[in-house]
PDB file of N, CA and C in Angstrom:
ATOM      1  N   UNK A   1     140.336 -47.262-125.356  1.00  0.00           N
ATOM      2  CA  UNK A   1     141.207 -46.169-124.997  1.00  0.00           C
ATOM      3  C   UNK A   1     140.696 -44.877-125.628  1.00  0.00           C
ATOM      4  N   UNK A   2     140.748 -43.808-124.878  1.00  0.00           N
ATOM      5  CA  UNK A   2     140.410 -42.495-125.416  1.00  0.00           C
ATOM      6  C   UNK A   2     141.585 -41.563-125.181  1.00  0.00           C
ATOM      7  N   UNK A   3     141.587 -40.464-125.907  1.00  0.00           N
ATOM      8  CA  UNK A   3     142.611 -39.439-125.727  1.00  0.00           C
ATOM      9  C   UNK A   3     141.945 -38.225-125.114  1.00  0.00           C
ATOM     10  N   UNK A   4     142.613 -37.638-124.145  1.00  0.00           N
ATOM     11  CA  UNK A   4     142.070 -36.456-123.483  1.00  0.00           C
ATOM     12  C   UNK A   4     143.086 -35.324-123.488  1.00  0.00           C
ATOM     13  N   UNK A   5     142.545 -34.124-123.458  1.00  0.00           N
ATOM     14  CA  UNK A   5     143.346 -32.913-123.390  1.00  0.00           C
ATOM     15  C   UNK A   5     142.795 -32.120-122.221  1.00  0.00           C
ATOM     16  N   UNK A   6     143.642 -31.847-121.250  1.00  0.00           N
ATOM     17  CA  UNK A   6     143.249 -31.158-120.034  1.00  0.00           C
ATOM     18  C   UNK A   6     143.863 -29.761-120.032  1.00  0.00           C
ATOM     19  N   UNK A   7     143.025 -28.755-119.782  1.00  0.00           N
ATOM     20  CA  UNK A   7     143.486 -27.369-119.735  1.00  0.00           C
ATOM     21  C   UNK A   7     143.126 -26.801-118.369  1.00  0.00           C
ATOM     22  N   UNK A   8     144.134 -26.290-117.665  1.00  0.00           N
ATOM     23  CA  UNK A   8     143.958 -25.719-116.329  1.00  0.00           C
ATOM     24  C   UNK A   8     144.184 -24.214-116.419  1.00  0.00           C
ATOM     25  N   UNK A   9     143.133 -23.454-116.210  1.00  0.00           N
ATOM     26  CA  UNK A   9     143.194 -21.996-116.319  1.00  0.00           C
ATOM     27  C   UNK A   9     143.375 -21.375-114.936  1.00  0.00           C
ATOM     28  N   UNK A  10     144.365 -20.510-114.806  1.00  0.00           N
ATOM     29  CA  UNK A  10     144.603 -19.804-113.547  1.00  0.00           C
ATOM     30  C   UNK A  10     143.518 -18.746-113.348  1.00  0.00           C
ATOM     31  N   UNK A  11     143.359 -18.250-112.125  1.00  0.00           N
ATOM     32  CA  UNK A  11     142.348 -17.220-111.886  1.00  0.00           C
ATOM     33  C   UNK A  11     142.582 -16.007-112.795  1.00  0.00           C
ATOM     34  N   UNK A  12     141.560 -15.591-113.538  1.00  0.00           N
ATOM     35  CA  UNK A  12     141.728 -14.473-114.467  1.00  0.00           C
ATOM     36  C   UNK A  12     141.879 -13.133-113.754  1.00  0.00           C
ATOM     37  N   UNK A  13     142.619 -12.264-114.397  1.00  0.00           N
ATOM     38  CA  UNK A  13     142.763 -10.898-113.888  1.00  0.00           C
ATOM     39  C   UNK A  13     141.491 -10.100-114.134  1.00  0.00           C
ATOM     40  N   UNK A  14     140.739 -10.460-115.171  1.00  0.00           N
ATOM     41  CA  UNK A  14     139.447  -9.841-115.478  1.00  0.00           C
ATOM     42  C   UNK A  14     138.470 -10.976-115.756  1.00  0.00           C
ATOM     43  N   UNK A  15     137.737 -11.374-114.724  1.00  0.00           N
ATOM     44  CA  UNK A  15     136.843 -12.529-114.822  1.00  0.00           C
ATOM     45  C   UNK A  15     135.780 -12.316-115.896  1.00  0.00           C
ATOM     46  N   UNK A  16     135.200 -11.149-115.941  1.00  0.00           N
ATOM     47  CA  UNK A  16     134.128 -10.881-116.901  1.00  0.00           C
ATOM     48  C   UNK A  16     134.622 -10.991-118.348  1.00  0.00           C
ATOM     49  N   UNK A  17     135.773 -10.417-118.640  1.00  0.00           N
ATOM     50  CA  UNK A  17     136.327 -10.486-119.994  1.00  0.00           C
ATOM     51  C   UNK A  17     136.698 -11.927-120.351  1.00  0.00           C
ATOM     52  N   UNK A  18     137.327 -12.629-119.413  1.00  0.00           N
ATOM     53  CA  UNK A  18     137.702 -14.024-119.652  1.00  0.00           C
ATOM     54  C   UNK A  18     136.462 -14.869-119.931  1.00  0.00           C
ATOM     55  N   UNK A  19     135.473 -14.778-119.054  1.00  0.00           N
ATOM     56  CA  UNK A  19     134.259 -15.588-119.195  1.00  0.00           C
ATOM     57  C   UNK A  19     133.532 -15.291-120.505  1.00  0.00           C
ATOM     58  N   UNK A  20     133.432 -14.021-120.871  1.00  0.00           N
ATOM     59  CA  UNK A  20     132.744 -13.660-122.105  1.00  0.00           C
ATOM     60  C   UNK A  20     133.469 -14.242-123.313  1.00  0.00           C
ATOM     61  N   UNK A  21     134.775 -14.086-123.354  1.00  0.00           N
ATOM     62  CA  UNK A  21     135.540 -14.593-124.496  1.00  0.00           C
ATOM     63  C   UNK A  21     135.521 -16.121-124.526  1.00  0.00           C
ATOM     64  N   UNK A  22     135.661 -16.740-123.370  1.00  0.00           N
ATOM     65  CA  UNK A  22     135.670 -18.201-123.305  1.00  0.00           C
ATOM     66  C   UNK A  22     134.359 -18.769-123.840  1.00  0.00           C
ATOM     67  N   UNK A  23     133.238 -18.182-123.409  1.00  0.00           N
ATOM     68  CA  UNK A  23     131.922 -18.678-123.808  1.00  0.00           C
ATOM     69  C   UNK A  23     131.561 -18.326-125.252  1.00  0.00           C
ATOM     70  N   UNK A  24     131.899 -17.126-125.667  1.00  0.00           N
ATOM     71  CA  UNK A  24     131.444 -16.640-126.966  1.00  0.00           C
ATOM     72  C   UNK A  24     132.399 -16.964-128.113  1.00  0.00           C
ATOM     73  N   UNK A  25     133.680 -17.169-127.804  1.00  0.00           N
ATOM     74  CA  UNK A  25     134.670 -17.400-128.854  1.00  0.00           C
ATOM     75  C   UNK A  25     135.349 -18.763-128.719  1.00  0.00           C
ATOM     76  N   UNK A  26     135.927 -19.029-127.556  1.00  0.00           N
ATOM     77  CA  UNK A  26     136.785 -20.209-127.420  1.00  0.00           C
ATOM     78  C   UNK A  26     136.014 -21.534-127.521  1.00  0.00           C
ATOM     79  N   UNK A  27     134.949 -21.667-126.766  1.00  0.00           N
ATOM     80  CA  UNK A  27     134.187 -22.921-126.817  1.00  0.00           C
ATOM     81  C   UNK A  27     133.627 -23.169-128.220  1.00  0.00           C
ATOM     82  N   UNK A  28     133.027 -22.163-128.872  1.00  0.00           N
ATOM     83  CA  UNK A  28     132.572 -22.414-130.245  1.00  0.00           C
ATOM     84  C   UNK A  28     133.705 -22.813-131.201  1.00  0.00           C
ATOM     85  N   UNK A  29     134.891 -22.225-131.041  1.00  0.00           N
ATOM     86  CA  UNK A  29     136.033 -22.630-131.867  1.00  0.00           C
ATOM     87  C   UNK A  29     136.369 -24.097-131.641  1.00  0.00           C
ATOM     88  N   UNK A  30     136.508 -24.485-130.390  1.00  0.00           N
ATOM     89  CA  UNK A  30     136.877 -25.870-130.072  1.00  0.00           C
ATOM     90  C   UNK A  30     135.809 -26.850-130.539  1.00  0.00           C
ATOM     91  N   UNK A  31     134.551 -26.455-130.441  1.00  0.00           N
ATOM     92  CA  UNK A  31     133.475 -27.356-130.856  1.00  0.00           C
ATOM     93  C   UNK A  31     133.433 -27.574-132.366  1.00  0.00           C
ATOM     94  N   UNK A  32     134.223 -26.834-133.120  1.00  0.00           N
ATOM     95  CA  UNK A  32     134.326 -27.064-134.568  1.00  0.00           C
ATOM     96  C   UNK A  32     135.325 -28.168-134.909  1.00  0.00           C
ATOM     97  N   UNK A  33     136.076 -28.640-133.909  1.00  0.00           N
ATOM     98  CA  UNK A  33     137.025 -29.731-134.153  1.00  0.00           C
ATOM     99  C   UNK A  33     136.217 -30.953-134.589  1.00  0.00           C
ATOM    100  N   UNK A  34     136.451 -31.470-135.790  1.00  0.00           N
ATOM    101  CA  UNK A  34     135.559 -32.487-136.352  1.00  0.00           C
ATOM    102  C   UNK A  34     135.533 -33.827-135.621  1.00  0.00           C
ATOM    103  N   UNK A  35     136.600 -34.195-134.950  1.00  0.00           N
ATOM    104  CA  UNK A  35     136.662 -35.506-134.291  1.00  0.00           C
ATOM    105  C   UNK A  35     136.425 -35.433-132.781  1.00  0.00           C
ATOM    106  N   UNK A  36     136.231 -34.243-132.256  1.00  0.00           N
ATOM    107  CA  UNK A  36     136.036 -34.059-130.817  1.00  0.00           C
ATOM    108  C   UNK A  36     134.774 -34.782-130.356  1.00  0.00           C
ATOM    109  N   UNK A  37     134.919 -35.605-129.334  1.00  0.00           N
ATOM    110  CA  UNK A  37     133.788 -36.357-128.797  1.00  0.00           C
ATOM    111  C   UNK A  37     133.053 -35.564-127.720  1.00  0.00           C
ATOM    112  N   UNK A  38     133.806 -34.905-126.821  1.00  0.00           N
ATOM    113  CA  UNK A  38     133.154 -34.132-125.763  1.00  0.00           C
ATOM    114  C   UNK A  38     134.078 -33.023-125.268  1.00  0.00           C
ATOM    115  N   UNK A  39     133.458 -32.002-124.695  1.00  0.00           N
ATOM    116  CA  UNK A  39     134.167 -30.855-124.125  1.00  0.00           C
ATOM    117  C   UNK A  39     133.467 -30.538-122.807  1.00  0.00           C
ATOM    118  N   UNK A  40     134.166 -30.752-121.713  1.00  0.00           N
ATOM    119  CA  UNK A  40     133.611 -30.530-120.382  1.00  0.00           C
ATOM    120  C   UNK A  40     134.317 -29.362-119.725  1.00  0.00           C
ATOM    121  N   UNK A  41     133.542 -28.488-119.104  1.00  0.00           N
ATOM    122  CA  UNK A  41     134.087 -27.342-118.383  1.00  0.00           C
ATOM    123  C   UNK A  41     133.703 -27.490-116.916  1.00  0.00           C
ATOM    124  N   UNK A  42     134.673 -27.299-116.038  1.00  0.00           N
ATOM    125  CA  UNK A  42     134.429 -27.381-114.598  1.00  0.00           C
ATOM    126  C   UNK A  42     134.933 -26.124-113.916  1.00  0.00           C
ATOM    127  N   UNK A  43     134.105 -25.573-113.055  1.00  0.00           N
ATOM    128  CA  UNK A  43     134.478 -24.401-112.262  1.00  0.00           C
ATOM    129  C   UNK A  43     134.488 -24.793-110.788  1.00  0.00           C
ATOM    130  N   UNK A  44     134.801 -23.854-109.945  1.00  0.00           N
ATOM    131  CA  UNK A  44     134.849 -24.097-108.497  1.00  0.00           C
ATOM    132  C   UNK A  44     135.796 -25.245-108.165  1.00  0.00           C
ATOM    133  N   UNK A  45     136.970 -25.198-108.756  1.00  0.00           N
ATOM    134  CA  UNK A  45     137.991 -26.228-108.550  1.00  0.00           C
ATOM    135  C   UNK A  45     138.479 -26.154-107.106  1.00  0.00           C
ATOM    136  N   UNK A  46     138.557 -27.293-106.466  1.00  0.00           N
ATOM    137  CA  UNK A  46     139.051 -27.370-105.098  1.00  0.00           C
ATOM    138  C   UNK A  46     140.091 -28.476-105.010  1.00  0.00           C
ATOM    139  N   UNK A  47     141.245 -28.140-104.502  1.00  0.00           N
ATOM    140  CA  UNK A  47     142.266 -29.155-104.277  1.00  0.00           C
ATOM    141  C   UNK A  47     142.013 -29.838-102.938  1.00  0.00           C
ATOM    142  N   UNK A  48     142.439 -31.054-102.828  1.00  0.00           N
ATOM    143  CA  UNK A  48     142.336 -31.774-101.567  1.00  0.00           C
ATOM    144  C   UNK A  48     143.392 -31.254-100.604  1.00  0.00           C
ATOM    145  N   UNK A  49     144.573 -30.926-101.132  1.00  0.00           N
ATOM    146  CA  UNK A  49     145.663 -30.377-100.319  1.00  0.00           C
ATOM    147  C   UNK A  49     146.183 -29.114-100.990  1.00  0.00           C
ATOM    148  N   UNK A  50     146.575 -28.143-100.192  1.00  0.00           N
ATOM    149  CA  UNK A  50     147.175 -26.927-100.728  1.00  0.00           C
ATOM    150  C   UNK A  50     146.147 -25.905-101.176  1.00  0.00           C
ATOM    151  N   UNK A  51     146.661 -24.844-101.761  1.00  0.00           N
ATOM    152  CA  UNK A  51     145.804 -23.775-102.247  1.00  0.00           C
ATOM    153  C   UNK A  51     145.276 -24.107-103.636  1.00  0.00           C
ATOM    154  N   UNK A  52     144.137 -23.545-103.980  1.00  0.00           N
ATOM    155  CA  UNK A  52     143.536 -23.782-105.283  1.00  0.00           C
ATOM    156  C   UNK A  52     144.123 -22.819-106.304  1.00  0.00           C
ATOM    157  N   UNK A  53     144.992 -23.296-107.182  1.00  0.00           N
ATOM    158  CA  UNK A  53     145.632 -22.401-108.139  1.00  0.00           C
ATOM    159  C   UNK A  53     144.861 -22.242-109.454  1.00  0.00           C
ATOM    160  N   UNK A  54     143.741 -22.954-109.613  1.00  0.00           N
ATOM    161  CA  UNK A  54     143.041 -22.930-110.895  1.00  0.00           C
ATOM    162  C   UNK A  54     141.626 -22.401-110.749  1.00  0.00           C
ATOM    163  N   UNK A  55     141.196 -21.729-111.774  1.00  0.00           N
ATOM    164  CA  UNK A  55     139.868 -21.128-111.824  1.00  0.00           C
ATOM    165  C   UNK A  55     138.898 -22.027-112.587  1.00  0.00           C
ATOM    166  N   UNK A  56     139.389 -22.599-113.668  1.00  0.00           N
ATOM    167  CA  UNK A  56     138.532 -23.366-114.562  1.00  0.00           C
ATOM    168  C   UNK A  56     139.342 -24.515-115.153  1.00  0.00           C
ATOM    169  N   UNK A  57     138.681 -25.639-115.359  1.00  0.00           N
ATOM    170  CA  UNK A  57     139.314 -26.801-115.983  1.00  0.00           C
ATOM    171  C   UNK A  57     138.498 -27.166-117.216  1.00  0.00           C
ATOM    172  N   UNK A  58     139.181 -27.298-118.341  1.00  0.00           N
ATOM    173  CA  UNK A  58     138.548 -27.785-119.556  1.00  0.00           C
ATOM    174  C   UNK A  58     139.107 -29.158-119.877  1.00  0.00           C
ATOM    175  N   UNK A  59     138.213 -30.094-120.190  1.00  0.00           N
ATOM    176  CA  UNK A  59     138.658 -31.437-120.546  1.00  0.00           C
ATOM    177  C   UNK A  59     137.987 -31.830-121.856  1.00  0.00           C
ATOM    178  N   UNK A  60     138.816 -32.093-122.850  1.00  0.00           N
ATOM    179  CA  UNK A  60     138.331 -32.459-124.176  1.00  0.00           C
ATOM    180  C   UNK A  60     138.684 -33.917-124.432  1.00  0.00           C
ATOM    181  N   UNK A  61     137.798 -34.631-125.136  1.00  0.00           N
ATOM    182  CA  UNK A  61     138.005 -36.062-125.339  1.00  0.00           C
ATOM    183  C   UNK A  61     137.791 -36.462-126.792  1.00  0.00           C
ATOM    184  N   UNK A  62     138.667 -37.353-127.251  1.00  0.00           N
ATOM    185  CA  UNK A  62     138.606 -37.935-128.595  1.00  0.00           C
ATOM    186  C   UNK A  62     138.604 -39.453-128.481  1.00  0.00           C
ATOM    187  N   UNK A  63     138.211 -40.121-129.550  1.00  0.00           N
ATOM    188  CA  UNK A  63     138.221 -41.589-129.566  1.00  0.00           C
ATOM    189  C   UNK A  63     139.635 -42.152-129.544  1.00  0.00           C
ATOM    190  N   UNK A  64     140.598 -41.403-130.088  1.00  0.00           N
ATOM    191  CA  UNK A  64     141.971 -41.902-130.142  1.00  0.00           C
ATOM    192  C   UNK A  64     142.953 -40.735-130.141  1.00  0.00           C
ATOM    193  N   UNK A  65     144.193 -41.032-129.831  1.00  0.00           N
ATOM    194  CA  UNK A  65     145.246 -40.025-129.874  1.00  0.00           C
ATOM    195  C   UNK A  65     145.450 -39.533-131.302  1.00  0.00           C
ATOM    196  N   UNK A  66     145.284 -40.411-132.263  1.00  0.00           N
ATOM    197  CA  UNK A  66     145.420 -40.000-133.666  1.00  0.00           C
ATOM    198  C   UNK A  66     144.321 -39.015-134.063  1.00  0.00           C
ATOM    199  N   UNK A  67     143.089 -39.247-133.613  1.00  0.00           N
ATOM    200  CA  UNK A  67     142.010 -38.290-133.878  1.00  0.00           C
ATOM    201  C   UNK A  67     142.341 -36.932-133.264  1.00  0.00           C
ATOM    202  N   UNK A  68     142.861 -36.952-132.048  1.00  0.00           N
ATOM    203  CA  UNK A  68     143.243 -35.706-131.384  1.00  0.00           C
ATOM    204  C   UNK A  68     144.329 -34.983-132.181  1.00  0.00           C
ATOM    205  N   UNK A  69     145.337 -35.722-132.599  1.00  0.00           N
ATOM    206  CA  UNK A  69     146.441 -35.124-133.368  1.00  0.00           C
ATOM    207  C   UNK A  69     145.940 -34.528-134.682  1.00  0.00           C
ATOM    208  N   UNK A  70     145.058 -35.244-135.358  1.00  0.00           N
ATOM    209  CA  UNK A  70     144.496 -34.737-136.619  1.00  0.00           C
ATOM    210  C   UNK A  70     143.741 -33.431-136.376  1.00  0.00           C
ATOM    211  N   UNK A  71     142.951 -33.391-135.312  1.00  0.00           N
ATOM    212  CA  UNK A  71     142.220 -32.158-134.996  1.00  0.00           C
ATOM    213  C   UNK A  71     143.170 -31.016-134.654  1.00  0.00           C
ATOM    214  N   UNK A  72     144.217 -31.294-133.915  1.00  0.00           N
ATOM    215  CA  UNK A  72     145.170 -30.240-133.545  1.00  0.00           C
ATOM    216  C   UNK A  72     145.893 -29.687-134.775  1.00  0.00           C
ATOM    217  N   UNK A  73     146.082 -30.535-135.790  1.00  0.00           N
ATOM    218  CA  UNK A  73     146.755 -30.099-137.020  1.00  0.00           C
ATOM    219  C   UNK A  73     145.812 -29.369-137.979  1.00  0.00           C
ATOM    220  N   UNK A  74     144.526 -29.464-137.744  1.00  0.00           N
ATOM    221  CA  UNK A  74     143.535 -28.871-138.652  1.00  0.00           C
ATOM    222  C   UNK A  74     143.494 -27.344-138.500  1.00  0.00           C
ATOM    223  N   UNK A  75     142.836 -26.689-139.454  1.00  0.00           N
ATOM    224  CA  UNK A  75     142.651 -25.234-139.365  1.00  0.00           C
ATOM    225  C   UNK A  75     141.904 -24.870-138.083  1.00  0.00           C
ATOM    226  N   UNK A  76     140.893 -25.672-137.737  1.00  0.00           N
ATOM    227  CA  UNK A  76     140.127 -25.422-136.516  1.00  0.00           C
ATOM    228  C   UNK A  76     141.007 -25.571-135.274  1.00  0.00           C
ATOM    229  N   UNK A  77     141.891 -26.560-135.300  1.00  0.00           N
ATOM    230  CA  UNK A  77     142.799 -26.780-134.175  1.00  0.00           C
ATOM    231  C   UNK A  77     143.779 -25.636-134.011  1.00  0.00           C
ATOM    232  N   UNK A  78     144.317 -25.163-135.123  1.00  0.00           N
ATOM    233  CA  UNK A  78     145.252 -24.030-135.056  1.00  0.00           C
ATOM    234  C   UNK A  78     144.542 -22.764-134.581  1.00  0.00           C
ATOM    235  N   UNK A  79     143.314 -22.539-135.032  1.00  0.00           N
ATOM    236  CA  UNK A  79     142.559 -21.361-134.595  1.00  0.00           C
ATOM    237  C   UNK A  79     142.254 -21.425-133.097  1.00  0.00           C
ATOM    238  N   UNK A  80     141.918 -22.608-132.614  1.00  0.00           N
ATOM    239  CA  UNK A  80     141.642 -22.779-131.183  1.00  0.00           C
ATOM    240  C   UNK A  80     142.910 -22.544-130.370  1.00  0.00           C
ATOM    241  N   UNK A  81     144.030 -23.072-130.826  1.00  0.00           N
ATOM    242  CA  UNK A  81     145.308 -22.873-130.128  1.00  0.00           C
ATOM    243  C   UNK A  81     145.694 -21.391-130.114  1.00  0.00           C
ATOM    244  N   UNK A  82     145.483 -20.699-131.220  1.00  0.00           N
ATOM    245  CA  UNK A  82     145.794 -19.264-131.259  1.00  0.00           C
ATOM    246  C   UNK A  82     144.906 -18.484-130.297  1.00  0.00           C
ATOM    247  N   UNK A  83     143.676 -18.937-130.120  1.00  0.00           N
ATOM    248  CA  UNK A  83     142.776 -18.245-129.205  1.00  0.00           C
ATOM    249  C   UNK A  83     143.209 -18.411-127.747  1.00  0.00           C
ATOM    250  N   UNK A  84     143.938 -19.460-127.451  1.00  0.00           N
ATOM    251  CA  UNK A  84     144.482 -19.615-126.090  1.00  0.00           C
ATOM    252  C   UNK A  84     145.377 -18.421-125.760  1.00  0.00           C
ATOM    253  N   UNK A  85     146.091 -17.918-126.747  1.00  0.00           N
ATOM    254  CA  UNK A  85     146.940 -16.736-126.537  1.00  0.00           C
ATOM    255  C   UNK A  85     146.101 -15.528-126.136  1.00  0.00           C
ATOM    256  N   UNK A  86     144.930 -15.388-126.726  1.00  0.00           N
ATOM    257  CA  UNK A  86     144.034 -14.286-126.363  1.00  0.00           C
ATOM    258  C   UNK A  86     143.572 -14.458-124.914  1.00  0.00           C
ATOM    259  N   UNK A  87     143.118 -15.659-124.574  1.00  0.00           N
ATOM    260  CA  UNK A  87     142.656 -15.915-123.204  1.00  0.00           C
ATOM    261  C   UNK A  87     143.776 -15.784-122.184  1.00  0.00           C
ATOM    262  N   UNK A  88     144.998 -16.048-122.606  1.00  0.00           N
ATOM    263  CA  UNK A  88     146.146 -15.960-121.697  1.00  0.00           C
ATOM    264  C   UNK A  88     146.419 -14.541-121.222  1.00  0.00           C
ATOM    265  N   UNK A  89     145.902 -13.554-121.911  1.00  0.00           N
ATOM    266  CA  UNK A  89     146.077 -12.185-121.426  1.00  0.00           C
ATOM    267  C   UNK A  89     145.341 -11.985-120.102  1.00  0.00           C
ATOM    268  N   UNK A  90     144.283 -12.775-119.860  1.00  0.00           N
ATOM    269  CA  UNK A  90     143.542 -12.691-118.604  1.00  0.00           C
ATOM    270  C   UNK A  90     143.892 -13.834-117.655  1.00  0.00           C
ATOM    271  N   UNK A  91     144.399 -14.930-118.186  1.00  0.00           N
ATOM    272  CA  UNK A  91     144.747 -16.101-117.386  1.00  0.00           C
ATOM    273  C   UNK A  91     146.149 -16.561-117.787  1.00  0.00           C
ATOM    274  N   UNK A  92     147.165 -15.824-117.324  1.00  0.00           N
ATOM    275  CA  UNK A  92     148.524 -16.083-117.821  1.00  0.00           C
ATOM    276  C   UNK A  92     149.139 -17.401-117.352  1.00  0.00           C
ATOM    277  N   UNK A  93     148.579 -18.036-116.362  1.00  0.00           N
ATOM    278  CA  UNK A  93     149.163 -19.271-115.845  1.00  0.00           C
ATOM    279  C   UNK A  93     148.520 -20.526-116.384  1.00  0.00           C
ATOM    280  N   UNK A  94     148.010 -20.485-117.614  1.00  0.00           N
ATOM    281  CA  UNK A  94     147.330 -21.648-118.175  1.00  0.00           C
ATOM    282  C   UNK A  94     148.315 -22.799-118.392  1.00  0.00           C
ATOM    283  N   UNK A  95     147.870 -23.997-118.019  1.00  0.00           N
ATOM    284  CA  UNK A  95     148.643 -25.224-118.239  1.00  0.00           C
ATOM    285  C   UNK A  95     147.791 -26.185-119.058  1.00  0.00           C
ATOM    286  N   UNK A  96     148.436 -27.001-119.862  1.00  0.00           N
ATOM    287  CA  UNK A  96     147.681 -28.003-120.613  1.00  0.00           C
ATOM    288  C   UNK A  96     148.508 -29.271-120.747  1.00  0.00           C
ATOM    289  N   UNK A  97     147.796 -30.371-120.927  1.00  0.00           N
ATOM    290  CA  UNK A  97     148.452 -31.661-121.092  1.00  0.00           C
ATOM    291  C   UNK A  97     147.534 -32.586-121.866  1.00  0.00           C
ATOM    292  N   UNK A  98     148.130 -33.542-122.518  1.00  0.00           N
ATOM    293  CA  UNK A  98     147.368 -34.543-123.237  1.00  0.00           C
ATOM    294  C   UNK A  98     147.738 -35.919-122.691  1.00  0.00           C
ATOM    295  N   UNK A  99     146.776 -36.820-122.723  1.00  0.00           N
ATOM    296  CA  UNK A  99     147.037 -38.170-122.233  1.00  0.00           C
ATOM    297  C   UNK A  99     146.009 -39.132-122.790  1.00  0.00           C
ATOM    298  N   UNK A 100     146.350 -40.407-122.732  1.00  0.00           N
ATOM    299  CA  UNK A 100     145.440 -41.474-123.130  1.00  0.00           C
ATOM    300  C   UNK A 100     144.940 -42.188-121.887  1.00  0.00           C
ATOM    301  N   UNK A 101     143.670 -42.512-121.881  1.00  0.00           N
ATOM    302  CA  UNK A 101     143.162 -43.343-120.796  1.00  0.00           C
ATOM    303  C   UNK A 101     143.517 -44.787-121.133  1.00  0.00           C
ATOM    304  N   UNK A 102     143.907 -45.539-120.144  1.00  0.00           N
ATOM    305  CA  UNK A 102     144.335 -46.915-120.383  1.00  0.00           C
ATOM    306  C   UNK A 102     143.359 -47.948-119.821  1.00  0.00           C
ATOM    307  N   UNK A 103     142.917 -47.702-118.620  1.00  0.00           N
ATOM    308  CA  UNK A 103     142.047 -48.696-117.991  1.00  0.00           C
ATOM    309  C   UNK A 103     141.257 -48.031-116.873  1.00  0.00           C
ATOM    310  N   UNK A 104     140.158 -48.642-116.541  1.00  0.00           N
ATOM    311  CA  UNK A 104     139.312 -48.161-115.460  1.00  0.00           C
ATOM    312  C   UNK A 104     139.248 -49.258-114.411  1.00  0.00           C
ATOM    313  N   UNK A 105     139.420 -48.860-113.165  1.00  0.00           N
ATOM    314  CA  UNK A 105     139.340 -49.820-112.061  1.00  0.00           C
ATOM    315  C   UNK A 105     138.110 -49.516-111.218  1.00  0.00           C
ATOM    316  N   UNK A 106     137.421 -50.525-110.850  1.00  0.00           N
ATOM    317  CA  UNK A 106     136.271 -50.363-109.957  1.00  0.00           C
ATOM    318  C   UNK A 106     136.454 -51.318-108.785  1.00  0.00           C
ATOM    319  N   UNK A 107     136.159 -50.802-107.621  1.00  0.00           N
ATOM    320  CA  UNK A 107     136.397 -51.579-106.414  1.00  0.00           C
ATOM    321  C   UNK A 107     135.361 -52.512-106.047  1.00  0.00           C
TER     322      UNK A 107
END
């Protein structure tokens, strides 16, 4: 089982400012989380149905939910969370969620 944190960023009002801050500040902050296993960024989000409400998806992964919780409680975790407020000035519709993977099915 792994723990994941999914962040859905709405289209920014200033793409250049958002992208610069995300790349130069936010990702380096998150990468300081000591237990973080991976950080994946996806652009060009396309929904199968409906309109595409998201600009960018960030997916972070830990070995366990406890590792994730420890990182979120750390100084690095608090700094990363505070930086979301900065990014929210350009992407006010940001959504986030955490979950554990339970099983994988293959056909």
